[in-house]
Amino acid sequence: MTTTDIPPCGCPACKQPDDHPNRESHRQIILVCSRLDEQQRRWFAKLESNRIGRGGDTLLSQITGIDEKTIRRGREELAASLVERPTDRIRLPGGGRPATGKKIRPS
């Protein structure tokens, strides 16, 4: 992914034609998020949201495009010290489609 492949920031300040002091910071947040897997993005967005303070979930949602519910889920996982999250895989076991039986072709 090149620098031009990074999606633009969706916050109201970055949508304005005038430059603002946080534009580069928003670009870097988007860049880092583009390199993380889905659970790491949730946790990083929540940490940044905490750093921003009040309204952080909404602002990070606008910057990154991550849904606010997903950021809240990251908060819950971090509050639980990631105990429920597996260390050797990204998704919890049992997710996805159920396995189908082996297809037997008539001879």
PDB file of N, CA and C in Angstrom:
ATOM      1  N   MET A   1       0.847  -1.169   0.000  1.00  0.00           N
ATOM      2  CA  MET A   1       0.000   0.000   0.000  1.00  0.00           C
ATOM      3  C   MET A   1       0.894   1.233   0.000  1.00  0.00           C
ATOM      4  N   THR A   2       0.689   2.080  -0.956  1.00  0.00           N
ATOM      5  CA  THR A   2       1.476   3.302  -1.032  1.00  0.00           C
ATOM      6  C   THR A   2       0.754   4.424  -0.301  1.00  0.00           C
ATOM      7  N   THR A   3       1.430   5.544  -0.154  1.00  0.00           N
ATOM      8  CA  THR A   3       0.850   6.684   0.542  1.00  0.00           C
ATOM      9  C   THR A   3      -0.415   7.167  -0.149  1.00  0.00           C
ATOM     10  N   THR A   4      -0.481   7.042  -1.460  1.00  0.00           N
ATOM     11  CA  THR A   4      -1.663   7.499  -2.190  1.00  0.00           C
ATOM     12  C   THR A   4      -2.844   6.556  -2.016  1.00  0.00           C
ATOM     13  N   ASP A   5      -2.602   5.312  -1.564  1.00  0.00           N
ATOM     14  CA  ASP A   5      -3.668   4.342  -1.348  1.00  0.00           C
ATOM     15  C   ASP A   5      -4.387   4.548  -0.023  1.00  0.00           C
ATOM     16  N   ILE A   6      -3.862   5.399   0.843  1.00  0.00           N
ATOM     17  CA  ILE A   6      -4.457   5.625   2.149  1.00  0.00           C
ATOM     18  C   ILE A   6      -5.752   6.408   1.952  1.00  0.00           C
ATOM     19  N   PRO A   7      -6.857   5.917   2.523  1.00  0.00           N
ATOM     20  CA  PRO A   7      -8.118   6.648   2.356  1.00  0.00           C
ATOM     21  C   PRO A   7      -8.052   8.011   3.042  1.00  0.00           C
ATOM     22  N   PRO A   8      -8.785   8.977   2.534  1.00  0.00           N
ATOM     23  CA  PRO A   8      -8.741  10.307   3.153  1.00  0.00           C
ATOM     24  C   PRO A   8      -9.461  10.309   4.494  1.00  0.00           C
ATOM     25  N   CYS A   9      -9.083  11.245   5.338  1.00  0.00           N
ATOM     26  CA  CYS A   9      -9.723  11.421   6.640  1.00  0.00           C
ATOM     27  C   CYS A   9     -11.147  11.906   6.420  1.00  0.00           C
ATOM     28  N   GLY A  10     -12.077  11.403   7.207  1.00  0.00           N
ATOM     29  CA  GLY A  10     -13.468  11.782   7.059  1.00  0.00           C
ATOM     30  C   GLY A  10     -13.948  12.772   8.101  1.00  0.00           C
ATOM     31  N   CYS A  11     -13.031  13.325   8.902  1.00  0.00           N
ATOM     32  CA  CYS A  11     -13.473  14.278   9.925  1.00  0.00           C
ATOM     33  C   CYS A  11     -13.853  15.606   9.268  1.00  0.00           C
ATOM     34  N   PRO A  12     -14.731  16.370   9.909  1.00  0.00           N
ATOM     35  CA  PRO A  12     -15.175  17.641   9.319  1.00  0.00           C
ATOM     36  C   PRO A  12     -14.033  18.617   9.048  1.00  0.00           C
ATOM     37  N   ALA A  13     -13.023  18.654   9.915  1.00  0.00           N
ATOM     38  CA  ALA A  13     -11.911  19.594   9.724  1.00  0.00           C
ATOM     39  C   ALA A  13     -11.091  19.249   8.486  1.00  0.00           C
ATOM     40  N   CYS A  14     -10.863  17.961   8.232  1.00  0.00           N
ATOM     41  CA  CYS A  14     -10.066  17.553   7.071  1.00  0.00           C
ATOM     42  C   CYS A  14     -10.847  17.687   5.767  1.00  0.00           C
ATOM     43  N   LYS A  15     -12.164  17.717   5.843  1.00  0.00           N
ATOM     44  CA  LYS A  15     -12.970  17.887   4.639  1.00  0.00           C
ATOM     45  C   LYS A  15     -12.964  19.329   4.148  1.00  0.00           C
ATOM     46  N   GLN A  16     -12.565  20.248   5.014  1.00  0.00           N
ATOM     47  CA  GLN A  16     -12.479  21.656   4.634  1.00  0.00           C
ATOM     48  C   GLN A  16     -11.230  21.876   3.775  1.00  0.00           C
ATOM     49  N   PRO A  17     -11.265  22.830   2.855  1.00  0.00           N
ATOM     50  CA  PRO A  17     -10.093  23.070   2.002  1.00  0.00           C
ATOM     51  C   PRO A  17      -8.917  23.694   2.769  1.00  0.00           C
ATOM     52  N   ASP A  18      -9.206  24.368   3.875  1.00  0.00           N
ATOM     53  CA  ASP A  18      -8.138  24.994   4.654  1.00  0.00           C
ATOM     54  C   ASP A  18      -7.358  23.934   5.424  1.00  0.00           C
ATOM     55  N   ASP A  19      -6.073  24.203   5.619  1.00  0.00           N
ATOM     56  CA  ASP A  19      -5.230  23.295   6.388  1.00  0.00           C
ATOM     57  C   ASP A  19      -5.538  23.470   7.870  1.00  0.00           C
ATOM     58  N   HIS A  20      -5.420  22.394   8.630  1.00  0.00           N
ATOM     59  CA  HIS A  20      -5.595  22.489  10.081  1.00  0.00           C
ATOM     60  C   HIS A  20      -4.455  21.745  10.761  1.00  0.00           C
ATOM     61  N   PRO A  21      -4.169  22.046  12.023  1.00  0.00           N
ATOM     62  CA  PRO A  21      -2.969  21.509  12.677  1.00  0.00           C
ATOM     63  C   PRO A  21      -2.963  19.996  12.870  1.00  0.00           C
ATOM     64  N   ASN A  22      -4.120  19.337  12.847  1.00  0.00           N
ATOM     65  CA  ASN A  22      -4.164  17.892  13.104  1.00  0.00           C
ATOM     66  C   ASN A  22      -4.215  17.049  11.836  1.00  0.00           C
ATOM     67  N   ARG A  23      -4.152  17.659  10.674  1.00  0.00           N
ATOM     68  CA  ARG A  23      -4.258  16.901   9.416  1.00  0.00           C
ATOM     69  C   ARG A  23      -3.184  15.821   9.307  1.00  0.00           C
ATOM     70  N   GLU A  24      -1.948  16.149   9.627  1.00  0.00           N
ATOM     71  CA  GLU A  24      -0.857  15.166   9.544  1.00  0.00           C
ATOM     72  C   GLU A  24      -1.040  14.058  10.579  1.00  0.00           C
ATOM     73  N   SER A  25      -1.488  14.414  11.754  1.00  0.00           N
ATOM     74  CA  SER A  25      -1.753  13.413  12.791  1.00  0.00           C
ATOM     75  C   SER A  25      -2.840  12.443  12.337  1.00  0.00           C
ATOM     76  N   HIS A  26      -3.891  12.967  11.722  1.00  0.00           N
ATOM     77  CA  HIS A  26      -4.969  12.111  11.217  1.00  0.00           C
ATOM     78  C   HIS A  26      -4.446  11.190  10.111  1.00  0.00           C
ATOM     79  N   ARG A  27      -3.599  11.705   9.246  1.00  0.00           N
ATOM     80  CA  ARG A  27      -3.026  10.890   8.173  1.00  0.00           C
ATOM     81  C   ARG A  27      -2.208   9.744   8.751  1.00  0.00           C
ATOM     82  N   GLN A  28      -1.445  10.026   9.808  1.00  0.00           N
ATOM     83  CA  GLN A  28      -0.621   8.987  10.430  1.00  0.00           C
ATOM     84  C   GLN A  28      -1.483   7.931  11.124  1.00  0.00           C
ATOM     85  N   ILE A  29      -2.577   8.355  11.754  1.00  0.00           N
ATOM     86  CA  ILE A  29      -3.502   7.396  12.384  1.00  0.00           C
ATOM     87  C   ILE A  29      -4.068   6.458  11.321  1.00  0.00           C
ATOM     88  N   ILE A  30      -4.480   7.013  10.197  1.00  0.00           N
ATOM     89  CA  ILE A  30      -5.026   6.196   9.115  1.00  0.00           C
ATOM     90  C   ILE A  30      -3.957   5.253   8.565  1.00  0.00           C
ATOM     91  N   LEU A  31      -2.737   5.743   8.434  1.00  0.00           N
ATOM     92  CA  LEU A  31      -1.637   4.916   7.933  1.00  0.00           C
ATOM     93  C   LEU A  31      -1.383   3.728   8.855  1.00  0.00           C
ATOM     94  N   VAL A  32      -1.297   3.980  10.158  1.00  0.00           N
ATOM     95  CA  VAL A  32      -1.053   2.893  11.113  1.00  0.00           C
ATOM     96  C   VAL A  32      -2.212   1.897  11.079  1.00  0.00           C
ATOM     97  N   CYS A  33      -3.440   2.395  11.072  1.00  0.00           N
ATOM     98  CA  CYS A  33      -4.606   1.497  11.036  1.00  0.00           C
ATOM     99  C   CYS A  33      -4.616   0.627   9.784  1.00  0.00           C
ATOM    100  N   SER A  34      -4.103   1.150   8.680  1.00  0.00           N
ATOM    101  CA  SER A  34      -4.099   0.379   7.434  1.00  0.00           C
ATOM    102  C   SER A  34      -3.158  -0.818   7.507  1.00  0.00           C
ATOM    103  N   ARG A  35      -2.234  -0.821   8.452  1.00  0.00           N
ATOM    104  CA  ARG A  35      -1.260  -1.918   8.586  1.00  0.00           C
ATOM    105  C   ARG A  35      -1.627  -2.917   9.675  1.00  0.00           C
ATOM    106  N   LEU A  36      -2.693  -2.670  10.422  1.00  0.00           N
ATOM    107  CA  LEU A  36      -3.071  -3.534  11.533  1.00  0.00           C
ATOM    108  C   LEU A  36      -4.192  -4.485  11.123  1.00  0.00           C
ATOM    109  N   ASP A  37      -4.295  -5.613  11.851  1.00  0.00           N
ATOM    110  CA  ASP A  37      -5.424  -6.505  11.595  1.00  0.00           C
ATOM    111  C   ASP A  37      -6.651  -5.954  12.326  1.00  0.00           C
ATOM    112  N   GLU A  38      -7.788  -6.609  12.167  1.00  0.00           N
ATOM    113  CA  GLU A  38      -9.050  -6.047  12.653  1.00  0.00           C
ATOM    114  C   GLU A  38      -9.097  -5.849  14.164  1.00  0.00           C
ATOM    115  N   GLN A  39      -8.573  -6.773  14.946  1.00  0.00           N
ATOM    116  CA  GLN A  39      -8.627  -6.587  16.397  1.00  0.00           C
ATOM    117  C   GLN A  39      -7.617  -5.544  16.850  1.00  0.00           C
ATOM    118  N   GLN A  40      -6.463  -5.485  16.230  1.00  0.00           N
ATOM    119  CA  GLN A  40      -5.480  -4.458  16.573  1.00  0.00           C
ATOM    120  C   GLN A  40      -6.005  -3.062  16.246  1.00  0.00           C
ATOM    121  N   ARG A  41      -6.748  -2.936  15.130  1.00  0.00           N
ATOM    122  CA  ARG A  41      -7.357  -1.644  14.780  1.00  0.00           C
ATOM    123  C   ARG A  41      -8.335  -1.195  15.856  1.00  0.00           C
ATOM    124  N   ARG A  42      -9.158  -2.126  16.361  1.00  0.00           N
ATOM    125  CA  ARG A  42     -10.117  -1.792  17.429  1.00  0.00           C
ATOM    126  C   ARG A  42      -9.383  -1.255  18.648  1.00  0.00           C
ATOM    127  N   TRP A  43      -8.328  -1.945  19.053  1.00  0.00           N
ATOM    128  CA  TRP A  43      -7.605  -1.570  20.271  1.00  0.00           C
ATOM    129  C   TRP A  43      -6.875  -0.243  20.082  1.00  0.00           C
ATOM    130  N   PHE A  44      -6.247  -0.076  18.926  1.00  0.00           N
ATOM    131  CA  PHE A  44      -5.534   1.176  18.651  1.00  0.00           C
ATOM    132  C   PHE A  44      -6.509   2.348  18.610  1.00  0.00           C
ATOM    133  N   ALA A  45      -7.648   2.163  17.955  1.00  0.00           N
ATOM    134  CA  ALA A  45      -8.650   3.233  17.875  1.00  0.00           C
ATOM    135  C   ALA A  45      -9.136   3.599  19.269  1.00  0.00           C
ATOM    136  N   LYS A  46      -9.312   2.614  20.132  1.00  0.00           N
ATOM    137  CA  LYS A  46      -9.772   2.905  21.487  1.00  0.00           C
ATOM    138  C   LYS A  46      -8.703   3.648  22.272  1.00  0.00           C
ATOM    139  N   LEU A  47      -7.443   3.261  22.124  1.00  0.00           N
ATOM    140  CA  LEU A  47      -6.368   3.965  22.822  1.00  0.00           C
ATOM    141  C   LEU A  47      -6.285   5.415  22.366  1.00  0.00           C
ATOM    142  N   GLU A  48      -6.398   5.642  21.072  1.00  0.00           N
ATOM    143  CA  GLU A  48      -6.380   7.014  20.551  1.00  0.00           C
ATOM    144  C   GLU A  48      -7.613   7.784  21.027  1.00  0.00           C
ATOM    145  N   SER A  49      -8.743   7.112  21.078  1.00  0.00           N
ATOM    146  CA  SER A  49      -9.970   7.744  21.553  1.00  0.00           C
ATOM    147  C   SER A  49      -9.816   8.183  23.011  1.00  0.00           C
ATOM    148  N   ASN A  50      -9.213   7.325  23.825  1.00  0.00           N
ATOM    149  CA  ASN A  50      -8.963   7.683  25.223  1.00  0.00           C
ATOM    150  C   ASN A  50      -8.033   8.885  25.314  1.00  0.00           C
ATOM    151  N   ARG A  51      -7.030   8.936  24.455  1.00  0.00           N
ATOM    152  CA  ARG A  51      -6.077  10.050  24.467  1.00  0.00           C
ATOM    153  C   ARG A  51      -6.771  11.365  24.121  1.00  0.00           C
ATOM    154  N   ILE A  52      -7.697  11.306  23.184  1.00  0.00           N
ATOM    155  CA  ILE A  52      -8.428  12.507  22.773  1.00  0.00           C
ATOM    156  C   ILE A  52      -9.373  12.962  23.879  1.00  0.00           C
ATOM    157  N   GLY A  53     -10.030  12.011  24.533  1.00  0.00           N
ATOM    158  CA  GLY A  53     -10.963  12.365  25.601  1.00  0.00           C
ATOM    159  C   GLY A  53     -12.394  12.397  25.098  1.00  0.00           C
ATOM    160  N   ARG A  54     -13.164  13.327  25.653  1.00  0.00           N
ATOM    161  CA  ARG A  54     -14.587  13.401  25.322  1.00  0.00           C
ATOM    162  C   ARG A  54     -14.790  13.589  23.814  1.00  0.00           C
ATOM    163  N   GLY A  55     -15.676  12.773  23.244  1.00  0.00           N
ATOM    164  CA  GLY A  55     -15.944  12.826  21.810  1.00  0.00           C
ATOM    165  C   GLY A  55     -14.931  12.049  20.985  1.00  0.00           C
ATOM    166  N   GLY A  56     -14.021  11.354  21.657  1.00  0.00           N
ATOM    167  CA  GLY A  56     -12.964  10.621  20.959  1.00  0.00           C
ATOM    168  C   GLY A  56     -13.469   9.495  20.089  1.00  0.00           C
ATOM    169  N   ASP A  57     -14.477   8.753  20.573  1.00  0.00           N
ATOM    170  CA  ASP A  57     -15.013   7.646  19.774  1.00  0.00           C
ATOM    171  C   ASP A  57     -15.577   8.161  18.452  1.00  0.00           C
ATOM    172  N   THR A  58     -16.316   9.260  18.521  1.00  0.00           N
ATOM    173  CA  THR A  58     -16.918   9.830  17.316  1.00  0.00           C
ATOM    174  C   THR A  58     -15.848  10.340  16.358  1.00  0.00           C
ATOM    175  N   LEU A  59     -14.868  11.063  16.898  1.00  0.00           N
ATOM    176  CA  LEU A  59     -13.814  11.608  16.047  1.00  0.00           C
ATOM    177  C   LEU A  59     -12.992  10.496  15.406  1.00  0.00           C
ATOM    178  N   LEU A  60     -12.609   9.473  16.177  1.00  0.00           N
ATOM    179  CA  LEU A  60     -11.835   8.367  15.607  1.00  0.00           C
ATOM    180  C   LEU A  60     -12.645   7.602  14.574  1.00  0.00           C
ATOM    181  N   SER A  61     -13.940   7.507  14.782  1.00  0.00           N
ATOM    182  CA  SER A  61     -14.801   6.870  13.789  1.00  0.00           C
ATOM    183  C   SER A  61     -14.782   7.660  12.485  1.00  0.00           C
ATOM    184  N   GLN A  62     -14.826   8.980  12.584  1.00  0.00           N
ATOM    185  CA  GLN A  62     -14.783   9.821  11.391  1.00  0.00           C
ATOM    186  C   GLN A  62     -13.418   9.743  10.709  1.00  0.00           C
ATOM    187  N   ILE A  63     -12.357   9.732  11.481  1.00  0.00           N
ATOM    188  CA  ILE A  63     -11.002   9.711  10.911  1.00  0.00           C
ATOM    189  C   ILE A  63     -10.729   8.392  10.206  1.00  0.00           C
ATOM    190  N   THR A  64     -11.016   7.272  10.895  1.00  0.00           N
ATOM    191  CA  THR A  64     -10.608   5.959  10.391  1.00  0.00           C
ATOM    192  C   THR A  64     -11.678   5.227   9.593  1.00  0.00           C
ATOM    193  N   GLY A  65     -12.945   5.596   9.793  1.00  0.00           N
ATOM    194  CA  GLY A  65     -14.021   4.858   9.153  1.00  0.00           C
ATOM    195  C   GLY A  65     -14.446   3.635   9.950  1.00  0.00           C
ATOM    196  N   ILE A  66     -13.868   3.437  11.132  1.00  0.00           N
ATOM    197  CA  ILE A  66     -14.252   2.328  12.006  1.00  0.00           C
ATOM    198  C   ILE A  66     -15.531   2.738  12.729  1.00  0.00           C
ATOM    199  N   ASP A  67     -16.509   1.852  12.772  1.00  0.00           N
ATOM    200  CA  ASP A  67     -17.780   2.147  13.420  1.00  0.00           C
ATOM    201  C   ASP A  67     -17.576   2.401  14.918  1.00  0.00           C
ATOM    202  N   GLU A  68     -18.383   3.290  15.487  1.00  0.00           N
ATOM    203  CA  GLU A  68     -18.267   3.608  16.913  1.00  0.00           C
ATOM    204  C   GLU A  68     -18.536   2.377  17.778  1.00  0.00           C
ATOM    205  N   LYS A  69     -19.427   1.493  17.350  1.00  0.00           N
ATOM    206  CA  LYS A  69     -19.698   0.265  18.112  1.00  0.00           C
ATOM    207  C   LYS A  69     -18.453  -0.612  18.171  1.00  0.00           C
ATOM    208  N   THR A  70     -17.690  -0.623  17.097  1.00  0.00           N
ATOM    209  CA  THR A  70     -16.460  -1.404  17.056  1.00  0.00           C
ATOM    210  C   THR A  70     -15.436  -0.812  18.016  1.00  0.00           C
ATOM    211  N   ILE A  71     -15.359   0.500  18.081  1.00  0.00           N
ATOM    212  CA  ILE A  71     -14.434   1.150  19.013  1.00  0.00           C
ATOM    213  C   ILE A  71     -14.864   0.855  20.447  1.00  0.00           C
ATOM    214  N   ARG A  72     -16.164   0.871  20.717  1.00  0.00           N
ATOM    215  CA  ARG A  72     -16.655   0.518  22.062  1.00  0.00           C
ATOM    216  C   ARG A  72     -16.316  -0.932  22.392  1.00  0.00           C
ATOM    217  N   ARG A  73     -16.389  -1.799  21.389  1.00  0.00           N
ATOM    218  CA  ARG A  73     -16.022  -3.205  21.608  1.00  0.00           C
ATOM    219  C   ARG A  73     -14.549  -3.299  21.994  1.00  0.00           C
ATOM    220  N   GLY A  74     -13.712  -2.485  21.360  1.00  0.00           N
ATOM    221  CA  GLY A  74     -12.297  -2.431  21.728  1.00  0.00           C
ATOM    222  C   GLY A  74     -12.113  -1.991  23.169  1.00  0.00           C
ATOM    223  N   ARG A  75     -12.948  -1.032  23.623  1.00  0.00           N
ATOM    224  CA  ARG A  75     -12.888  -0.577  25.014  1.00  0.00           C
ATOM    225  C   ARG A  75     -13.204  -1.725  25.958  1.00  0.00           C
ATOM    226  N   GLU A  76     -14.259  -2.487  25.645  1.00  0.00           N
ATOM    227  CA  GLU A  76     -14.655  -3.610  26.496  1.00  0.00           C
ATOM    228  C   GLU A  76     -13.570  -4.680  26.541  1.00  0.00           C
ATOM    229  N   GLU A  77     -12.960  -4.964  25.393  1.00  0.00           N
ATOM    230  CA  GLU A  77     -11.898  -5.976  25.356  1.00  0.00           C
ATOM    231  C   GLU A  77     -10.674  -5.523  26.151  1.00  0.00           C
ATOM    232  N   LEU A  78     -10.317  -4.242  26.025  1.00  0.00           N
ATOM    233  CA  LEU A  78      -9.174  -3.731  26.786  1.00  0.00           C
ATOM    234  C   LEU A  78      -9.475  -3.683  28.272  1.00  0.00           C
ATOM    235  N   ALA A  79     -10.719  -3.351  28.647  1.00  0.00           N
ATOM    236  CA  ALA A  79     -11.106  -3.318  30.058  1.00  0.00           C
ATOM    237  C   ALA A  79     -11.008  -4.705  30.680  1.00  0.00           C
ATOM    238  N   ALA A  80     -11.250  -5.731  29.875  1.00  0.00           N
ATOM    239  CA  ALA A  80     -11.158  -7.115  30.346  1.00  0.00           C
ATOM    240  C   ALA A  80      -9.740  -7.664  30.197  1.00  0.00           C
ATOM    241  N   SER A  81      -8.782  -6.788  29.909  1.00  0.00           N
ATOM    242  CA  SER A  81      -7.364  -7.164  29.747  1.00  0.00           C
ATOM    243  C   SER A  81      -7.144  -8.201  28.652  1.00  0.00           C
ATOM    244  N   LEU A  82      -8.009  -8.207  27.653  1.00  0.00           N
ATOM    245  CA  LEU A  82      -7.904  -9.094  26.483  1.00  0.00           C
ATOM    246  C   LEU A  82      -7.922 -10.573  26.863  1.00  0.00           C
ATOM    247  N   VAL A  83      -8.510 -10.892  28.016  1.00  0.00           N
ATOM    248  CA  VAL A  83      -8.535 -12.272  28.497  1.00  0.00           C
ATOM    249  C   VAL A  83      -9.273 -13.190  27.524  1.00  0.00           C
ATOM    250  N   GLU A  84     -10.368 -12.713  26.954  1.00  0.00           N
ATOM    251  CA  GLU A  84     -11.182 -13.537  26.056  1.00  0.00           C
ATOM    252  C   GLU A  84     -10.588 -13.667  24.658  1.00  0.00           C
ATOM    253  N   ARG A  85      -9.578 -12.875  24.326  1.00  0.00           N
ATOM    254  CA  ARG A  85      -9.011 -12.868  22.976  1.00  0.00           C
ATOM    255  C   ARG A  85      -7.907 -13.908  22.861  1.00  0.00           C
ATOM    256  N   PRO A  86      -7.929 -14.728  21.813  1.00  0.00           N
ATOM    257  CA  PRO A  86      -6.862 -15.712  21.617  1.00  0.00           C
ATOM    258  C   PRO A  86      -5.560 -15.011  21.230  1.00  0.00           C
ATOM    259  N   THR A  87      -4.439 -15.578  21.661  1.00  0.00           N
ATOM    260  CA  THR A  87      -3.140 -14.977  21.349  1.00  0.00           C
ATOM    261  C   THR A  87      -2.556 -15.512  20.046  1.00  0.00           C
ATOM    262  N   ASP A  88      -3.027 -16.668  19.600  1.00  0.00           N
ATOM    263  CA  ASP A  88      -2.436 -17.312  18.430  1.00  0.00           C
ATOM    264  C   ASP A  88      -3.266 -17.160  17.155  1.00  0.00           C
ATOM    265  N   ARG A  89      -4.357 -16.401  17.229  1.00  0.00           N
ATOM    266  CA  ARG A  89      -5.191 -16.218  16.048  1.00  0.00           C
ATOM    267  C   ARG A  89      -5.924 -14.895  16.147  1.00  0.00           C
ATOM    268  N   ILE A  90      -6.472 -14.425  15.019  1.00  0.00           N
ATOM    269  CA  ILE A  90      -7.159 -13.136  14.997  1.00  0.00           C
ATOM    270  C   ILE A  90      -8.604 -13.288  15.443  1.00  0.00           C
ATOM    271  N   ARG A  91      -9.283 -14.302  14.963  1.00  0.00           N
ATOM    272  CA  ARG A  91     -10.693 -14.481  15.291  1.00  0.00           C
ATOM    273  C   ARG A  91     -10.878 -15.592  16.308  1.00  0.00           C
ATOM    274  N   LEU A  92     -11.992 -15.527  17.009  1.00  0.00           N
ATOM    275  CA  LEU A  92     -12.307 -16.564  17.982  1.00  0.00           C
ATOM    276  C   LEU A  92     -12.622 -17.865  17.266  1.00  0.00           C
ATOM    277  N   PRO A  93     -12.328 -19.021  17.887  1.00  0.00           N
ATOM    278  CA  PRO A  93     -12.668 -20.292  17.265  1.00  0.00           C
ATOM    279  C   PRO A  93     -14.184 -20.429  17.100  1.00  0.00           C
ATOM    280  N   GLY A  94     -14.588 -21.105  16.055  1.00  0.00           N
ATOM    281  CA  GLY A  94     -16.004 -21.348  15.822  1.00  0.00           C
ATOM    282  C   GLY A  94     -16.671 -20.321  14.944  1.00  0.00           C
ATOM    283  N   GLY A  95     -15.929 -19.323  14.533  1.00  0.00           N
ATOM    284  CA  GLY A  95     -16.514 -18.305  13.657  1.00  0.00           C
ATOM    285  C   GLY A  95     -16.576 -18.791  12.229  1.00  0.00           C
ATOM    286  N   GLY A  96     -17.358 -18.153  11.433  1.00  0.00           N
ATOM    287  CA  GLY A  96     -17.441 -18.485  10.014  1.00  0.00           C
ATOM    288  C   GLY A  96     -18.526 -19.489   9.717  1.00  0.00           C
ATOM    289  N   ARG A  97     -18.532 -19.956   8.509  1.00  0.00           N
ATOM    290  CA  ARG A  97     -19.549 -20.908   8.070  1.00  0.00           C
ATOM    291  C   ARG A  97     -19.299 -22.276   8.688  1.00  0.00           C
ATOM    292  N   PRO A  98     -20.387 -23.021   8.909  1.00  0.00           N
ATOM    293  CA  PRO A  98     -20.199 -24.386   9.384  1.00  0.00           C
ATOM    294  C   PRO A  98     -19.599 -25.254   8.275  1.00  0.00           C
ATOM    295  N   ALA A  99     -18.821 -26.223   8.680  1.00  0.00           N
ATOM    296  CA  ALA A  99     -18.198 -27.122   7.707  1.00  0.00           C
ATOM    297  C   ALA A  99     -19.274 -27.936   7.005  1.00  0.00           C
ATOM    298  N   THR A 100     -19.070 -28.138   5.721  1.00  0.00           N
ATOM    299  CA  THR A 100     -20.004 -28.978   4.962  1.00  0.00           C
ATOM    300  C   THR A 100     -19.450 -30.381   4.899  1.00  0.00           C
ATOM    301  N   GLY A 101     -20.318 -31.311   4.651  1.00  0.00           N
ATOM    302  CA  GLY A 101     -19.872 -32.691   4.502  1.00  0.00           C
ATOM    303  C   GLY A 101     -19.114 -32.871   3.197  1.00  0.00           C
ATOM    304  N   LYS A 102     -18.322 -33.913   3.122  1.00  0.00           N
ATOM    305  CA  LYS A 102     -17.555 -34.175   1.921  1.00  0.00           C
ATOM    306  C   LYS A 102     -18.505 -34.587   0.801  1.00  0.00           C
ATOM    307  N   LYS A 103     -18.330 -33.979  -0.343  1.00  0.00           N
ATOM    308  CA  LYS A 103     -19.163 -34.306  -1.485  1.00  0.00           C
ATOM    309  C   LYS A 103     -18.651 -35.578  -2.141  1.00  0.00           C
ATOM    310  N   ILE A 104     -19.554 -36.479  -2.399  1.00  0.00           N
ATOM    311  CA  ILE A 104     -19.174 -37.739  -3.046  1.00  0.00           C
ATOM    312  C   ILE A 104     -19.735 -37.707  -4.450  1.00  0.00           C
ATOM    313  N   ARG A 105     -18.847 -37.838  -5.410  1.00  0.00           N
ATOM    314  CA  ARG A 105     -19.266 -37.840  -6.812  1.00  0.00           C
ATOM    315  C   ARG A 105     -19.548 -39.281  -7.228  1.00  0.00           C
ATOM    316  N   PRO A 106     -20.663 -39.459  -7.958  1.00  0.00           N
ATOM    317  CA  PRO A 106     -20.942 -40.825  -8.465  1.00  0.00           C
ATOM    318  C   PRO A 106     -19.892 -41.197  -9.522  1.00  0.00           C
ATOM    319  N   SER A 107     -19.500 -42.466  -9.504  1.00  0.00           N
ATOM    320  CA  SER A 107     -18.475 -42.913 -10.460  1.00  0.00           C
ATOM    321  C   SER A 107     -19.063 -43.360 -11.759  1.00  0.00           C
TER     322      SER A 107
END
